[in-house]
Amino acid sequence: MTIRALMDLGLLAMGTSADSGGSPLLQLLPFVLVLAIFYFIILLPMKRKQKKVEEFLQALKVNDKIVTTSGIYGQIVKLSDRTVQLQIADKVRIEIARNAVGGYQGQEPVQQEPPANP
């Protein structure tokens, strides 16, 4: 017997074939598909929502009637880069973080209340 024949017999005895599996790219295909599905189902909608919230927060102006993520209703009196001053009653003003603005009064909220820490 030749050496090649002996190697083939040894491989058959071990239960494997002479070629081991095929193309490495073909083996990576399932992982690529899972990543693509993850991107289109989870990451892309999340990015769109984040962009919508950022556009909303940048479009805020004085005299807008808003509701905060914690449920406080008020009218914007003063704006700065990071904070918003709200008038919630006559002569009652509070200053909140700009990111705490949830949406306009009477409309669907742009961002939801963050979950409470237990």
Protein backbone atom coordinates (compact mmCIF):
# COMPACT_ATOMS: atom_id res chain seq x y z
CA MET A 1 0.00 0.00 0.00
CA THR A 2 1.05 3.52 -0.65
CA ILE A 3 1.30 6.22 1.94
CA ARG A 4 -1.72 8.02 0.46
CA ALA A 5 -3.87 4.92 0.79
CA LEU A 6 -2.80 4.48 4.40
CA MET A 7 -3.67 8.11 5.17
CA ASP A 8 -7.10 7.68 3.58
CA LEU A 9 -7.72 4.59 5.67
CA GLY A 10 -6.64 6.44 8.81
CA LEU A 11 -8.95 9.38 8.04
CA LEU A 12 -11.86 7.03 7.36
CA ALA A 13 -11.20 5.25 10.62
CA MET A 14 -11.33 8.60 12.48
CA GLY A 15 -14.61 9.53 10.79
CA THR A 16 -13.40 12.60 8.93
CA SER A 17 -12.91 13.32 5.30
CA ALA A 18 -9.78 14.51 3.57
CA ASP A 19 -11.11 18.07 3.11
CA SER A 20 -11.95 19.75 6.42
CA GLY A 21 -15.14 21.78 6.22
CA GLY A 22 -15.00 24.06 3.22
CA SER A 23 -14.48 27.76 2.85
CA PRO A 24 -13.83 29.84 5.97
CA LEU A 25 -16.10 32.53 4.51
CA LEU A 26 -18.94 30.03 4.37
CA GLN A 27 -18.38 29.23 8.04
CA LEU A 28 -18.64 32.94 8.95
CA LEU A 29 -21.90 33.42 7.05
CA PRO A 30 -24.22 32.53 10.00
CA PHE A 31 -22.45 35.02 12.27
CA VAL A 32 -22.71 37.75 9.64
CA LEU A 33 -26.42 37.03 9.20
CA VAL A 34 -27.04 37.23 12.96
CA LEU A 35 -25.19 40.56 13.15
CA ALA A 36 -27.15 41.95 10.20
CA ILE A 37 -30.47 40.91 11.76
CA PHE A 38 -29.42 42.44 15.10
CA TYR A 39 -28.51 45.70 13.34
CA PHE A 40 -31.75 46.04 11.38
CA ILE A 41 -34.10 44.95 14.18
CA ILE A 42 -32.50 46.62 17.19
CA LEU A 43 -29.80 49.18 16.39
CA LEU A 44 -31.31 50.99 13.39
CA PRO A 45 -34.68 51.76 15.05
CA MET A 46 -32.86 52.85 18.21
CA LYS A 47 -30.70 55.28 16.20
CA ARG A 48 -33.78 56.70 14.45
CA LYS A 49 -35.54 57.25 17.79
CA GLN A 50 -32.44 58.91 19.27
CA LYS A 51 -32.19 61.24 16.28
CA LYS A 52 -35.88 62.16 16.63
CA VAL A 53 -35.40 62.99 20.34
CA GLU A 54 -32.32 65.12 19.61
CA GLU A 55 -34.18 67.07 16.91
CA PHE A 56 -37.09 67.63 19.30
CA LEU A 57 -34.82 68.91 22.08
CA GLN A 58 -33.02 71.27 19.70
CA ALA A 59 -36.34 72.66 18.41
CA LEU A 60 -37.59 73.71 21.86
CA LYS A 61 -38.31 77.42 22.22
CA VAL A 62 -39.62 79.86 24.81
CA ASN A 63 -43.42 79.69 25.44
CA ASP A 64 -43.67 76.03 24.37
CA LYS A 65 -46.00 74.08 26.65
CA ILE A 66 -44.31 70.84 27.56
CA VAL A 67 -44.52 67.87 29.88
CA THR A 68 -41.45 66.35 31.53
CA THR A 69 -40.63 62.67 31.67
CA SER A 70 -41.68 62.73 35.34
CA GLY A 71 -45.10 64.21 34.50
CA ILE A 72 -44.65 67.90 35.35
CA TYR A 73 -46.58 70.24 33.05
CA GLY A 74 -45.28 73.71 32.39
CA GLN A 75 -44.39 76.46 29.95
CA ILE A 76 -40.81 77.17 28.93
CA VAL A 77 -39.63 80.54 30.22
CA LYS A 78 -35.88 80.28 29.62
CA LEU A 79 -33.60 77.95 27.67
CA SER A 80 -29.91 77.20 27.97
CA ASP A 81 -27.68 74.52 26.49
CA ARG A 82 -28.34 71.96 29.23
CA THR A 83 -31.31 73.27 31.22
CA VAL A 84 -34.85 74.52 30.73
CA GLN A 85 -36.67 76.84 33.10
CA LEU A 86 -40.38 76.03 33.41
CA GLN A 87 -43.19 78.05 34.84
CA ILE A 88 -45.49 75.50 36.44
CA ALA A 89 -47.81 77.98 38.25
CA ASP A 90 -48.04 81.73 38.85
CA LYS A 91 -44.66 82.89 40.18
CA VAL A 92 -43.44 79.27 40.44
CA ARG A 93 -40.50 78.38 38.23
CA ILE A 94 -38.32 75.31 38.25
CA GLU A 95 -35.17 74.48 36.35
CA ILE A 96 -34.86 71.02 34.84
CA ALA A 97 -32.38 69.23 32.63
CA ARG A 98 -33.12 69.61 28.94
CA ASN A 99 -33.08 65.82 28.57
CA ALA A 100 -35.98 65.59 31.06
CA VAL A 101 -38.41 67.15 28.59
CA GLY A 102 -40.70 64.35 27.42
CA GLY A 103 -42.82 66.09 24.79
CA TYR A 104 -45.37 68.76 24.06
CA GLN A 105 -48.56 68.94 26.11
CA GLY A 106 -51.45 67.12 24.46
CA GLN A 107 -49.23 65.17 22.07
CA GLU A 108 -47.61 61.76 22.11
CA PRO A 109 -44.40 61.84 24.22
CA VAL A 110 -41.16 61.97 22.28
CA GLN A 111 -39.19 60.17 24.97
CA GLN A 112 -40.39 57.93 27.72
CA GLU A 113 -39.73 58.17 31.44
CA PRO A 114 -36.52 56.34 32.35
CA PRO A 115 -37.10 53.14 34.34
CA ALA A 116 -36.88 53.50 38.12
CA ASN A 117 -33.91 51.95 39.90
CA PRO A 118 -35.06 49.34 42.44
